[in-house]
């Protein structure tokens, strides 16, 4: 497979890992007969594993990058997964299998996210909204500690397009403008989806209101300046995603500190 950027390649690996492990997950977390069903899940895993492992190898060894230690760690975890989950089945203690599954999955995700991606500026041509979506979604999905979106013209669709794949342990902050939330029709739509998102991230998610103009996306310690609101990215005009440095981080921290909280630790139920 070909990918426009390493970020998109990593997003593919994170997504397809879930598909690789899903038959096993459903088997372990269901009330079905493991002894009867596990040979079929094992056969499917062995088939899909080869394809996924080869994509990991390409990602670790592409374009002059050689992340051999991370690749070997990934292989080790996958072999341990195979041994612990499949060769240990059928086992009488399903809770043990479920705990082991979750531990190995989290370790695999952590290893993949630890492999660096490029941070070069990207200019996405006009009339390429899907290309913009793929790149922005990929950046969001690679966050390991924090993800902060600053978009004065936020729309509710931003949540399922870009934030659905963010790891649950990542601290997510969404900041939009006071003008957007002053519009009752827009505010109702945003809050309705934000409430659903907050229900699954009660301690790691905040929705803030502030007065600002520029759009930014902070993924861990990398800050990107965005050429417009991401809900309309590259629909009719070119869209830029450019890493920035200098005092921008301090500016964003100040913006967060002075913002009005619509949901978060001091506002545990959404404002309406």
C-alpha atoms as a PDB file:
ATOM      1  CA  UNK A   1       0.000   0.000   0.000  1.00  0.00           C
ATOM      2  CA  UNK A   2       1.072   3.595  -0.639  1.00  0.00           C
ATOM      3  CA  UNK A   3       0.565   6.504   1.724  1.00  0.00           C
ATOM      4  CA  UNK A   4       1.024  10.233   1.163  1.00  0.00           C
ATOM      5  CA  UNK A   5       2.824  10.673   4.508  1.00  0.00           C
ATOM      6  CA  UNK A   6       4.265   8.567   7.309  1.00  0.00           C
ATOM      7  CA  UNK A   7       1.555   9.995   9.539  1.00  0.00           C
ATOM      8  CA  UNK A   8      -1.111   8.449   7.341  1.00  0.00           C
ATOM      9  CA  UNK A   9       0.818   5.169   7.290  1.00  0.00           C
ATOM     10  CA  UNK A  10       0.874   5.133  11.090  1.00  0.00           C
ATOM     11  CA  UNK A  11      -2.840   5.916  11.226  1.00  0.00           C
ATOM     12  CA  UNK A  12      -3.447   2.912   8.963  1.00  0.00           C
ATOM     13  CA  UNK A  13      -1.390   0.668  11.249  1.00  0.00           C
ATOM     14  CA  UNK A  14      -3.271   1.812  14.349  1.00  0.00           C
ATOM     15  CA  UNK A  15      -6.644   1.272  12.663  1.00  0.00           C
ATOM     16  CA  UNK A  16      -5.785  -2.066  11.061  1.00  0.00           C
ATOM     17  CA  UNK A  17      -4.366  -3.365  14.354  1.00  0.00           C
ATOM     18  CA  UNK A  18      -7.895  -3.193  15.713  1.00  0.00           C
ATOM     19  CA  UNK A  19      -9.148  -5.166  12.710  1.00  0.00           C
ATOM     20  CA  UNK A  20      -6.373  -7.741  13.172  1.00  0.00           C
ATOM     21  CA  UNK A  21      -7.271  -8.352  16.796  1.00  0.00           C
ATOM     22  CA  UNK A  22     -11.049  -7.902  16.585  1.00  0.00           C
ATOM     23  CA  UNK A  23     -11.968 -11.595  15.960  1.00  0.00           C
ATOM     24  CA  UNK A  24      -9.973 -12.546  19.044  1.00  0.00           C
ATOM     25  CA  UNK A  25     -11.443  -9.710  21.089  1.00  0.00           C
ATOM     26  CA  UNK A  26     -14.983 -10.779  20.224  1.00  0.00           C
ATOM     27  CA  UNK A  27     -14.169 -14.373  21.133  1.00  0.00           C
ATOM     28  CA  UNK A  28     -12.629 -13.537  24.500  1.00  0.00           C
ATOM     29  CA  UNK A  29     -15.193 -10.937  25.528  1.00  0.00           C
ATOM     30  CA  UNK A  30     -18.253 -12.935  24.445  1.00  0.00           C
ATOM     31  CA  UNK A  31     -20.052 -15.712  26.252  1.00  0.00           C
ATOM     32  CA  UNK A  32     -19.541 -18.132  23.365  1.00  0.00           C
ATOM     33  CA  UNK A  33     -17.831 -21.504  23.363  1.00  0.00           C
ATOM     34  CA  UNK A  34     -14.099 -20.754  23.186  1.00  0.00           C
ATOM     35  CA  UNK A  35     -13.079 -24.376  22.663  1.00  0.00           C
ATOM     36  CA  UNK A  36     -15.238 -24.648  19.540  1.00  0.00           C
ATOM     37  CA  UNK A  37     -14.593 -21.213  18.035  1.00  0.00           C
ATOM     38  CA  UNK A  38     -10.956 -20.389  18.785  1.00  0.00           C
ATOM     39  CA  UNK A  39      -9.421 -22.447  15.895  1.00  0.00           C
ATOM     40  CA  UNK A  40     -11.251 -20.232  13.388  1.00  0.00           C
ATOM     41  CA  UNK A  41     -10.153 -17.030  15.131  1.00  0.00           C
ATOM     42  CA  UNK A  42      -6.584 -18.370  15.246  1.00  0.00           C
ATOM     43  CA  UNK A  43      -6.584 -19.162  11.522  1.00  0.00           C
ATOM     44  CA  UNK A  44      -7.878 -15.684  10.674  1.00  0.00           C
ATOM     45  CA  UNK A  45      -5.285 -14.068  12.947  1.00  0.00           C
ATOM     46  CA  UNK A  46      -2.386 -15.954  11.347  1.00  0.00           C
ATOM     47  CA  UNK A  47      -3.545 -14.916   7.886  1.00  0.00           C
ATOM     48  CA  UNK A  48      -4.013 -11.230   8.718  1.00  0.00           C
ATOM     49  CA  UNK A  49      -0.930 -11.079  10.931  1.00  0.00           C
ATOM     50  CA  UNK A  50       1.446 -11.608   8.007  1.00  0.00           C
ATOM     51  CA  UNK A  51      -0.015  -8.670   6.074  1.00  0.00           C
ATOM     52  CA  UNK A  52      -0.027  -6.358   9.089  1.00  0.00           C
ATOM     53  CA  UNK A  53       3.516  -7.318  10.170  1.00  0.00           C
ATOM     54  CA  UNK A  54       4.805  -6.535   6.672  1.00  0.00           C
ATOM     55  CA  UNK A  55       3.229  -3.076   6.812  1.00  0.00           C
ATOM     56  CA  UNK A  56       4.915  -2.450  10.172  1.00  0.00           C
ATOM     57  CA  UNK A  57       8.247  -3.463   8.639  1.00  0.00           C
ATOM     58  CA  UNK A  58       7.714  -1.037   5.734  1.00  0.00           C
ATOM     59  CA  UNK A  59       6.826   1.764   8.133  1.00  0.00           C
ATOM     60  CA  UNK A  60       9.911   1.164  10.277  1.00  0.00           C
ATOM     61  CA  UNK A  61      12.281   0.847   7.302  1.00  0.00           C
ATOM     62  CA  UNK A  62      10.926   3.363   4.772  1.00  0.00           C
ATOM     63  CA  UNK A  63      12.583   6.454   3.346  1.00  0.00           C
ATOM     64  CA  UNK A  64      15.846   6.096   5.240  1.00  0.00           C
ATOM     65  CA  UNK A  65      14.171   5.441   8.593  1.00  0.00           C
ATOM     66  CA  UNK A  66      15.431   2.413  10.525  1.00  0.00           C
ATOM     67  CA  UNK A  67      13.505   1.845  13.714  1.00  0.00           C
ATOM     68  CA  UNK A  68      14.691  -1.722  14.199  1.00  0.00           C
ATOM     69  CA  UNK A  69      14.246  -1.821  17.978  1.00  0.00           C
ATOM     70  CA  UNK A  70      10.610  -0.730  17.699  1.00  0.00           C
ATOM     71  CA  UNK A  71       9.947  -3.246  14.938  1.00  0.00           C
ATOM     72  CA  UNK A  72      11.472  -6.080  16.969  1.00  0.00           C
ATOM     73  CA  UNK A  73       9.439  -5.004  19.991  1.00  0.00           C
ATOM     74  CA  UNK A  74       6.272  -5.124  17.898  1.00  0.00           C
ATOM     75  CA  UNK A  75       7.073  -8.624  16.657  1.00  0.00           C
ATOM     76  CA  UNK A  76       7.837  -9.790  20.192  1.00  0.00           C
ATOM     77  CA  UNK A  77       4.504  -8.482  21.463  1.00  0.00           C
ATOM     78  CA  UNK A  78       2.597 -10.094  18.616  1.00  0.00           C
ATOM     79  CA  UNK A  79       4.275 -13.450  19.236  1.00  0.00           C
ATOM     80  CA  UNK A  80       3.515 -13.124  22.940  1.00  0.00           C
ATOM     81  CA  UNK A  81      -0.077 -12.309  22.052  1.00  0.00           C
ATOM     82  CA  UNK A  82      -0.242 -15.429  19.903  1.00  0.00           C
ATOM     83  CA  UNK A  83       1.239 -17.587  22.672  1.00  0.00           C
ATOM     84  CA  UNK A  84      -0.711 -16.161  25.601  1.00  0.00           C
ATOM     85  CA  UNK A  85      -4.083 -15.792  23.933  1.00  0.00           C
ATOM     86  CA  UNK A  86      -4.265 -18.564  21.363  1.00  0.00           C
ATOM     87  CA  UNK A  87      -1.963 -21.286  22.606  1.00  0.00           C
ATOM     88  CA  UNK A  88      -3.353 -20.797  26.108  1.00  0.00           C
ATOM     89  CA  UNK A  89      -6.921 -21.334  24.954  1.00  0.00           C
ATOM     90  CA  UNK A  90      -9.279 -22.774  25.790  1.00  0.00           C
ATOM     91  CA  UNK A  91      -8.691 -21.573  29.317  1.00  0.00           C
ATOM     92  CA  UNK A  92     -11.192 -21.706  32.194  1.00  0.00           C
ATOM     93  CA  UNK A  93     -10.499 -18.151  33.389  1.00  0.00           C
ATOM     94  CA  UNK A  94     -11.857 -15.696  30.844  1.00  0.00           C
ATOM     95  CA  UNK A  95     -10.979 -12.719  33.018  1.00  0.00           C
ATOM     96  CA  UNK A  96      -7.307 -13.671  32.799  1.00  0.00           C
ATOM     97  CA  UNK A  97      -7.548 -13.824  29.006  1.00  0.00           C
ATOM     98  CA  UNK A  98      -9.331 -10.473  28.861  1.00  0.00           C
ATOM     99  CA  UNK A  99      -6.788  -8.775  31.099  1.00  0.00           C
ATOM    100  CA  UNK A 100      -3.905 -10.178  29.057  1.00  0.00           C
ATOM    101  CA  UNK A 101      -5.545  -9.042  25.821  1.00  0.00           C
ATOM    102  CA  UNK A 102      -5.934  -5.456  27.031  1.00  0.00           C
ATOM    103  CA  UNK A 103      -2.378  -5.269  28.367  1.00  0.00           C
ATOM    104  CA  UNK A 104      -0.852  -6.509  25.113  1.00  0.00           C
ATOM    105  CA  UNK A 105      -3.055  -4.240  22.994  1.00  0.00           C
ATOM    106  CA  UNK A 106      -2.032  -1.167  24.983  1.00  0.00           C
ATOM    107  CA  UNK A 107       1.648  -2.141  24.743  1.00  0.00           C
ATOM    108  CA  UNK A 108       1.377  -2.561  20.967  1.00  0.00           C
ATOM    109  CA  UNK A 109      -0.314   0.822  20.562  1.00  0.00           C
ATOM    110  CA  UNK A 110       2.338   2.484  22.718  1.00  0.00           C
ATOM    111  CA  UNK A 111       5.191   1.026  20.646  1.00  0.00           C
ATOM    112  CA  UNK A 112       3.625   2.140  17.364  1.00  0.00           C
ATOM    113  CA  UNK A 113       2.976   5.650  18.646  1.00  0.00           C
ATOM    114  CA  UNK A 114       6.571   5.923  19.893  1.00  0.00           C
ATOM    115  CA  UNK A 115       7.939   5.703  16.332  1.00  0.00           C
ATOM    116  CA  UNK A 116       8.495   9.270  15.050  1.00  0.00           C
ATOM    117  CA  UNK A 117       6.616  10.706  12.063  1.00  0.00           C
ATOM    118  CA  UNK A 118       7.690  13.573   9.851  1.00  0.00           C
ATOM    119  CA  UNK A 119       6.539  17.084  10.742  1.00  0.00           C
ATOM    120  CA  UNK A 120       7.041  18.771   7.375  1.00  0.00           C
ATOM    121  CA  UNK A 121       4.555  21.376   6.221  1.00  0.00           C
ATOM    122  CA  UNK A 122       1.824  20.097   3.945  1.00  0.00           C
ATOM    123  CA  UNK A 123      -0.093  22.108   1.345  1.00  0.00           C
ATOM    124  CA  UNK A 124      -3.246  20.277   0.325  1.00  0.00           C
ATOM    125  CA  UNK A 125      -4.744  21.518  -2.939  1.00  0.00           C
ATOM    126  CA  UNK A 126      -8.262  22.871  -3.268  1.00  0.00           C
ATOM    127  CA  UNK A 127     -11.065  20.383  -3.903  1.00  0.00           C
ATOM    128  CA  UNK A 128      -9.193  17.716  -1.914  1.00  0.00           C
ATOM    129  CA  UNK A 129     -11.248  17.478   1.297  1.00  0.00           C
ATOM    130  CA  UNK A 130     -10.745  13.738   1.696  1.00  0.00           C
ATOM    131  CA  UNK A 131      -6.957  14.132   1.475  1.00  0.00           C
ATOM    132  CA  UNK A 132      -7.134  16.825   4.165  1.00  0.00           C
ATOM    133  CA  UNK A 133      -9.347  14.612   6.301  1.00  0.00           C
ATOM    134  CA  UNK A 134      -6.921  11.695   6.046  1.00  0.00           C
ATOM    135  CA  UNK A 135      -3.936  13.821   7.079  1.00  0.00           C
ATOM    136  CA  UNK A 136      -5.665  15.572   9.985  1.00  0.00           C
ATOM    137  CA  UNK A 137      -7.196  12.333  11.257  1.00  0.00           C
ATOM    138  CA  UNK A 138      -3.783  10.669  11.082  1.00  0.00           C
ATOM    139  CA  UNK A 139      -2.164  13.436  13.138  1.00  0.00           C
ATOM    140  CA  UNK A 140      -4.883  13.227  15.790  1.00  0.00           C
ATOM    141  CA  UNK A 141      -4.689   9.439  16.071  1.00  0.00           C
ATOM    142  CA  UNK A 142      -0.931   9.521  16.787  1.00  0.00           C
ATOM    143  CA  UNK A 143      -1.237  11.631  19.964  1.00  0.00           C
ATOM    144  CA  UNK A 144       0.166   9.919  23.054  1.00  0.00           C
ATOM    145  CA  UNK A 145      -0.290  12.494  25.840  1.00  0.00           C
ATOM    146  CA  UNK A 146      -2.328  15.485  24.699  1.00  0.00           C
ATOM    147  CA  UNK A 147      -4.330  16.760  21.757  1.00  0.00           C
ATOM    148  CA  UNK A 148      -5.609  20.314  21.601  1.00  0.00           C
ATOM    149  CA  UNK A 149      -7.710  21.751  18.781  1.00  0.00           C
ATOM    150  CA  UNK A 150      -8.172  25.512  18.459  1.00  0.00           C
ATOM    151  CA  UNK A 151     -10.862  26.238  15.862  1.00  0.00           C
ATOM    152  CA  UNK A 152     -13.098  29.317  16.133  1.00  0.00           C
ATOM    153  CA  UNK A 153     -15.611  27.855  13.674  1.00  0.00           C
ATOM    154  CA  UNK A 154     -16.033  24.415  15.189  1.00  0.00           C
ATOM    155  CA  UNK A 155     -18.728  22.037  13.972  1.00  0.00           C
ATOM    156  CA  UNK A 156     -20.094  18.897  15.693  1.00  0.00           C
ATOM    157  CA  UNK A 157     -18.812  16.698  12.849  1.00  0.00           C
ATOM    158  CA  UNK A 158     -15.247  17.380  14.011  1.00  0.00           C
ATOM    159  CA  UNK A 159     -15.681  14.899  16.864  1.00  0.00           C
ATOM    160  CA  UNK A 160     -16.459  11.791  14.830  1.00  0.00           C
ATOM    161  CA  UNK A 161     -14.197  12.752  11.936  1.00  0.00           C
ATOM    162  CA  UNK A 162     -11.036  13.554  13.861  1.00  0.00           C
ATOM    163  CA  UNK A 163     -11.332  12.787  17.575  1.00  0.00           C
ATOM    164  CA  UNK A 164     -12.897   9.323  17.522  1.00  0.00           C
ATOM    165  CA  UNK A 165      -9.546   7.556  17.058  1.00  0.00           C
ATOM    166  CA  UNK A 166      -7.683   9.420  19.806  1.00  0.00           C
ATOM    167  CA  UNK A 167      -6.440   7.093  22.541  1.00  0.00           C
ATOM    168  CA  UNK A 168      -8.669   7.294  25.658  1.00  0.00           C
ATOM    169  CA  UNK A 169      -5.644   8.097  27.839  1.00  0.00           C
ATOM    170  CA  UNK A 170      -4.834  11.256  25.844  1.00  0.00           C
ATOM    171  CA  UNK A 171      -5.908  14.583  27.370  1.00  0.00           C
ATOM    172  CA  UNK A 172      -8.143  16.269  24.770  1.00  0.00           C
ATOM    173  CA  UNK A 173      -9.001  19.976  24.750  1.00  0.00           C
ATOM    174  CA  UNK A 174     -11.308  21.532  22.151  1.00  0.00           C
ATOM    175  CA  UNK A 175     -11.365  25.326  22.027  1.00  0.00           C
ATOM    176  CA  UNK A 176     -13.823  27.279  19.906  1.00  0.00           C
ATOM    177  CA  UNK A 177     -14.911  30.894  19.737  1.00  0.00           C
ATOM    178  CA  UNK A 178     -17.401  32.739  21.874  1.00  0.00           C
ATOM    179  CA  UNK A 179     -19.182  33.788  18.657  1.00  0.00           C
ATOM    180  CA  UNK A 180     -19.753  30.182  17.609  1.00  0.00           C
ATOM    181  CA  UNK A 181     -21.149  29.168  20.991  1.00  0.00           C
ATOM    182  CA  UNK A 182     -23.260  32.335  21.169  1.00  0.00           C
ATOM    183  CA  UNK A 183     -25.186  30.970  18.190  1.00  0.00           C
ATOM    184  CA  UNK A 184     -27.801  28.776  19.881  1.00  0.00           C
ATOM    185  CA  UNK A 185     -28.307  26.513  16.866  1.00  0.00           C
ATOM    186  CA  UNK A 186     -24.579  25.832  16.525  1.00  0.00           C
ATOM    187  CA  UNK A 187     -24.058  25.495  20.272  1.00  0.00           C
ATOM    188  CA  UNK A 188     -26.808  22.886  20.618  1.00  0.00           C
ATOM    189  CA  UNK A 189     -25.264  20.739  17.888  1.00  0.00           C
ATOM    190  CA  UNK A 190     -21.750  20.974  19.332  1.00  0.00           C
ATOM    191  CA  UNK A 191     -22.842  20.319  22.918  1.00  0.00           C
ATOM    192  CA  UNK A 192     -24.957  17.309  21.924  1.00  0.00           C
ATOM    193  CA  UNK A 193     -21.909  15.520  20.489  1.00  0.00           C
ATOM    194  CA  UNK A 194     -19.539  16.888  23.134  1.00  0.00           C
ATOM    195  CA  UNK A 195     -21.726  15.350  25.847  1.00  0.00           C
ATOM    196  CA  UNK A 196     -21.381  11.927  24.239  1.00  0.00           C
ATOM    197  CA  UNK A 197     -17.622  12.352  23.954  1.00  0.00           C
ATOM    198  CA  UNK A 198     -17.358  13.547  27.548  1.00  0.00           C
ATOM    199  CA  UNK A 199     -19.344  10.551  28.819  1.00  0.00           C
ATOM    200  CA  UNK A 200     -16.442   8.309  27.797  1.00  0.00           C
ATOM    201  CA  UNK A 201     -13.716  10.794  28.834  1.00  0.00           C
ATOM    202  CA  UNK A 202     -15.029  12.445  31.994  1.00  0.00           C
ATOM    203  CA  UNK A 203     -11.560  13.311  33.308  1.00  0.00           C
ATOM    204  CA  UNK A 204      -9.490  13.678  30.124  1.00  0.00           C
ATOM    205  CA  UNK A 205     -11.624  16.020  28.011  1.00  0.00           C
ATOM    206  CA  UNK A 206     -12.428  19.748  28.108  1.00  0.00           C
ATOM    207  CA  UNK A 207     -14.537  22.033  25.905  1.00  0.00           C
ATOM    208  CA  UNK A 208     -13.510  25.690  26.111  1.00  0.00           C
ATOM    209  CA  UNK A 209     -14.747  29.018  24.768  1.00  0.00           C
ATOM    210  CA  UNK A 210     -12.405  31.917  23.965  1.00  0.00           C
ATOM    211  CA  UNK A 211     -11.966  34.859  21.627  1.00  0.00           C
ATOM    212  CA  UNK A 212      -9.326  34.100  18.946  1.00  0.00           C
ATOM    213  CA  UNK A 213      -8.819  33.847  15.208  1.00  0.00           C
ATOM    214  CA  UNK A 214      -5.962  31.535  14.198  1.00  0.00           C
ATOM    215  CA  UNK A 215      -6.512  27.791  13.980  1.00  0.00           C
ATOM    216  CA  UNK A 216      -4.004  25.449  15.595  1.00  0.00           C
ATOM    217  CA  UNK A 217      -3.669  21.773  16.405  1.00  0.00           C
ATOM    218  CA  UNK A 218      -1.301  20.702  19.203  1.00  0.00           C
ATOM    219  CA  UNK A 219      -0.386  17.020  19.149  1.00  0.00           C
ATOM    220  CA  UNK A 220       1.830  16.254  22.148  1.00  0.00           C
ATOM    221  CA  UNK A 221       4.714  18.754  21.763  1.00  0.00           C
ATOM    222  CA  UNK A 222       4.166  19.552  18.085  1.00  0.00           C
ATOM    223  CA  UNK A 223       1.993  22.526  17.147  1.00  0.00           C
ATOM    224  CA  UNK A 224       0.505  22.868  13.669  1.00  0.00           C
ATOM    225  CA  UNK A 225      -0.905  26.046  12.206  1.00  0.00           C
ATOM    226  CA  UNK A 226      -3.984  25.208  10.146  1.00  0.00           C
ATOM    227  CA  UNK A 227      -4.974  27.130   7.036  1.00  0.00           C
ATOM    228  CA  UNK A 228      -8.635  27.226   8.010  1.00  0.00           C
ATOM    229  CA  UNK A 229     -11.351  25.488   9.995  1.00  0.00           C
ATOM    230  CA  UNK A 230     -10.965  21.733   9.744  1.00  0.00           C
ATOM    231  CA  UNK A 231     -14.663  21.128   9.077  1.00  0.00           C
ATOM    232  CA  UNK A 232     -14.151  22.768   5.656  1.00  0.00           C
ATOM    233  CA  UNK A 233     -10.511  21.765   5.075  1.00  0.00           C
ATOM    234  CA  UNK A 234      -9.528  21.883   1.378  1.00  0.00           C
ATOM    235  CA  UNK A 235     -13.125  21.916   0.161  1.00  0.00           C
ATOM    236  CA  UNK A 236     -12.785  25.008  -2.010  1.00  0.00           C
ATOM    237  CA  UNK A 237      -9.360  26.514  -1.267  1.00  0.00           C
ATOM    238  CA  UNK A 238      -5.862  25.101  -0.573  1.00  0.00           C
ATOM    239  CA  UNK A 239      -5.316  24.042   3.029  1.00  0.00           C
ATOM    240  CA  UNK A 240      -2.032  24.198   4.918  1.00  0.00           C
ATOM    241  CA  UNK A 241      -0.874  22.083   7.852  1.00  0.00           C
ATOM    242  CA  UNK A 242       2.408  23.615   8.995  1.00  0.00           C
ATOM    243  CA  UNK A 243       4.439  22.924  12.170  1.00  0.00           C
ATOM    244  CA  UNK A 244       5.300  26.074  14.100  1.00  0.00           C
ATOM    245  CA  UNK A 245       7.605  26.866  17.015  1.00  0.00           C
ATOM    246  CA  UNK A 246       8.658  29.829  19.094  1.00  0.00           C
ATOM    247  CA  UNK A 247       6.151  31.471  21.412  1.00  0.00           C
ATOM    248  CA  UNK A 248       3.057  29.815  19.922  1.00  0.00           C
ATOM    249  CA  UNK A 249       2.929  27.218  22.705  1.00  0.00           C
ATOM    250  CA  UNK A 250       2.902  29.922  25.386  1.00  0.00           C
ATOM    251  CA  UNK A 251       0.189  31.774  23.479  1.00  0.00           C
ATOM    252  CA  UNK A 252      -1.989  28.655  23.386  1.00  0.00           C
ATOM    253  CA  UNK A 253      -1.381  28.008  27.093  1.00  0.00           C
ATOM    254  CA  UNK A 254      -2.489  31.561  27.878  1.00  0.00           C
ATOM    255  CA  UNK A 255      -5.557  31.128  25.687  1.00  0.00           C
ATOM    256  CA  UNK A 256      -6.523  27.949  27.546  1.00  0.00           C
ATOM    257  CA  UNK A 257      -5.948  29.540  30.934  1.00  0.00           C
ATOM    258  CA  UNK A 258      -8.253  32.484  30.184  1.00  0.00           C
ATOM    259  CA  UNK A 259     -10.965  30.504  28.413  1.00  0.00           C
ATOM    260  CA  UNK A 260     -14.485  29.845  29.672  1.00  0.00           C
ATOM    261  CA  UNK A 261     -15.035  26.178  30.420  1.00  0.00           C
ATOM    262  CA  UNK A 262     -18.126  24.587  28.906  1.00  0.00           C
ATOM    263  CA  UNK A 263     -17.074  21.164  30.155  1.00  0.00           C
ATOM    264  CA  UNK A 264     -14.144  20.123  32.340  1.00  0.00           C
ATOM    265  CA  UNK A 265     -13.001  19.847  35.963  1.00  0.00           C
ATOM    266  CA  UNK A 266     -14.729  23.108  37.023  1.00  0.00           C
ATOM    267  CA  UNK A 267     -17.813  22.539  34.835  1.00  0.00           C
ATOM    268  CA  UNK A 268     -18.715  18.877  35.240  1.00  0.00           C
ATOM    269  CA  UNK A 269     -21.992  19.212  33.344  1.00  0.00           C
ATOM    270  CA  UNK A 270     -22.115  20.967  29.986  1.00  0.00           C
ATOM    271  CA  UNK A 271     -23.210  24.562  29.756  1.00  0.00           C
ATOM    272  CA  UNK A 272     -26.232  25.087  27.511  1.00  0.00           C
END
